[in-house]
Amino acid sequence: MQHFSHQKIEEELPIPSEEALARSTELTLEIINEIRESGPMPFSRFFNLALYHPQLGYYTGPQAVFGEAGDFITAPLISDLFSRSLANQVREIASLMASMDETKSQDFDILEIGAGNGTMARDLLLALKATDELPSRYLILEVSPDLKARQRALIAESLPEYIDQVEWIDTPPQAAWNGVIIANEVLDALTVERFKIHEGKPHYIDVDIELDDENRSVRFVSRLRPADAALQRFYQSLLDKGYTLLEGTETEYCPALESWLPPLFEHLEKGVALFIDYGYDEREYYRPERTTGTLIAHYKHRAHEDFYLYPGLQDLTANVNFTQVATLLVEMGLTFLGYTAQAYFLMGNGLQEMVKAEQEALAEKGDKNDIGWYELSQKVQQLVHPEEMGERFKVLAVGKNFDEALQGFALYDYAHHL
């Protein structure tokens, strides 16, 4: 019986259930067979199969990936204060767009990319409903059938009268529209290529297999491949900017951005895009000391570096190079509107005022021993503290036929870092 072995398996990682392990084994066999037929596999291909295989991928399979039962907790799951702050930014954008075009009524849609379990969509819509400012449509671009079902159920439970205005789409809108694009923790899930500086030159790190006839086992291993023109151009661009990658450095970059971003804006006539994610500017991303890159694997809330472990059951994610994202968007003709830390963005959108109102409401209810206030403050700290999400997560905004200043970037703009 053939089995699979893995390097650097952390002892504290939980063992998958038999059902989950069977799914991962099925996907592993598919990957092995493809490597046998076609040779070593680009890491981006392995990444794509592990996360987005139609039936067995991490995001497309039946396992829970969000919340306590999954591998990570996003900001909207920590507190609805995140989505309510975001709603304030959406309100401002909608108001500014309406004032820019006073001669006709302005249809205003929201497009959320990768809506997780639907919590942010629900809370954002509830906040907008409270002020009678629901969008004409709420579009969700989602690849996972399982997550689509969860999103629909959650939104329908809280806003049954609005569920018909929520549309699930498989591709970016194909007809003209106006409004806001929201991508929270999406860019970090785009496929990346790994590369290594070997003998002073960049080489791709591909995925190959290694057979052990004695133990009748097979495992995934890394193989170096000389850079093609695309990687050479990217590496040269880093050198031209004065960055130095030391011999032996293993890191990554995201060529997928070049094909993924343009379709989002193709039919947007007027509006704003908000990208919220963890990442760095390019100088920080490729500083010489960062010799192992930013790629990380997550399994059941444990972070580790065995990227080949349990394909389809663990998350693979790389930090976002916001300099690359901003450069591509501006080169597409979009207007740069702002770049800041999540803490400043939330506070610029009324977080402190909402926290004060929550505190007063708790006091009116007789919050004994300040338990409610303690729990609330803990959640707020997770959202804004520099050592939690406040500084690690950034917000980048661009506009199309829109160049108004936004309140989310009024407190502190990090544009000079890019």
Foldseek 3Di string as FASTA:
>chain_A
DEDADFPPDDPPFDDDDPVLLVLLVVLVVVVQVVCVVPNFAFQLVLLCSLAPVCDQHQQAHDAQQEDLRHWYHFLLNLDLLLLLLVLLLQVVFLVVVCVVCVPDDAQAEEEEEACRLQSSVQSNQVNCVVVPRHGQAYEYAGRYPNSVVSNLVVNCVRCVVCSVRYYYDPFADPAAHEYEYEYAADVQSRGKWKWAQAPNAIWTWTWHKDADVVVNYIYIDTDTHHDDPVVVVVVVVCVVVPADADHGAMEIDHPVLLVRPPRNCVRYQWYKYKYKFFAAAPCVQRHHVNRHYFKWKTASNDIDPRPRPSRSRIGITHHDHVNVNVVSCVVVVWAWAFKDFQQLLSVLSPSVVVLVVVVVVCVVVPVPPCPVVVSVVVSVCQRCPCVHRRGRMMMTMIIRVDHDHTSSCVPDGPVVRD
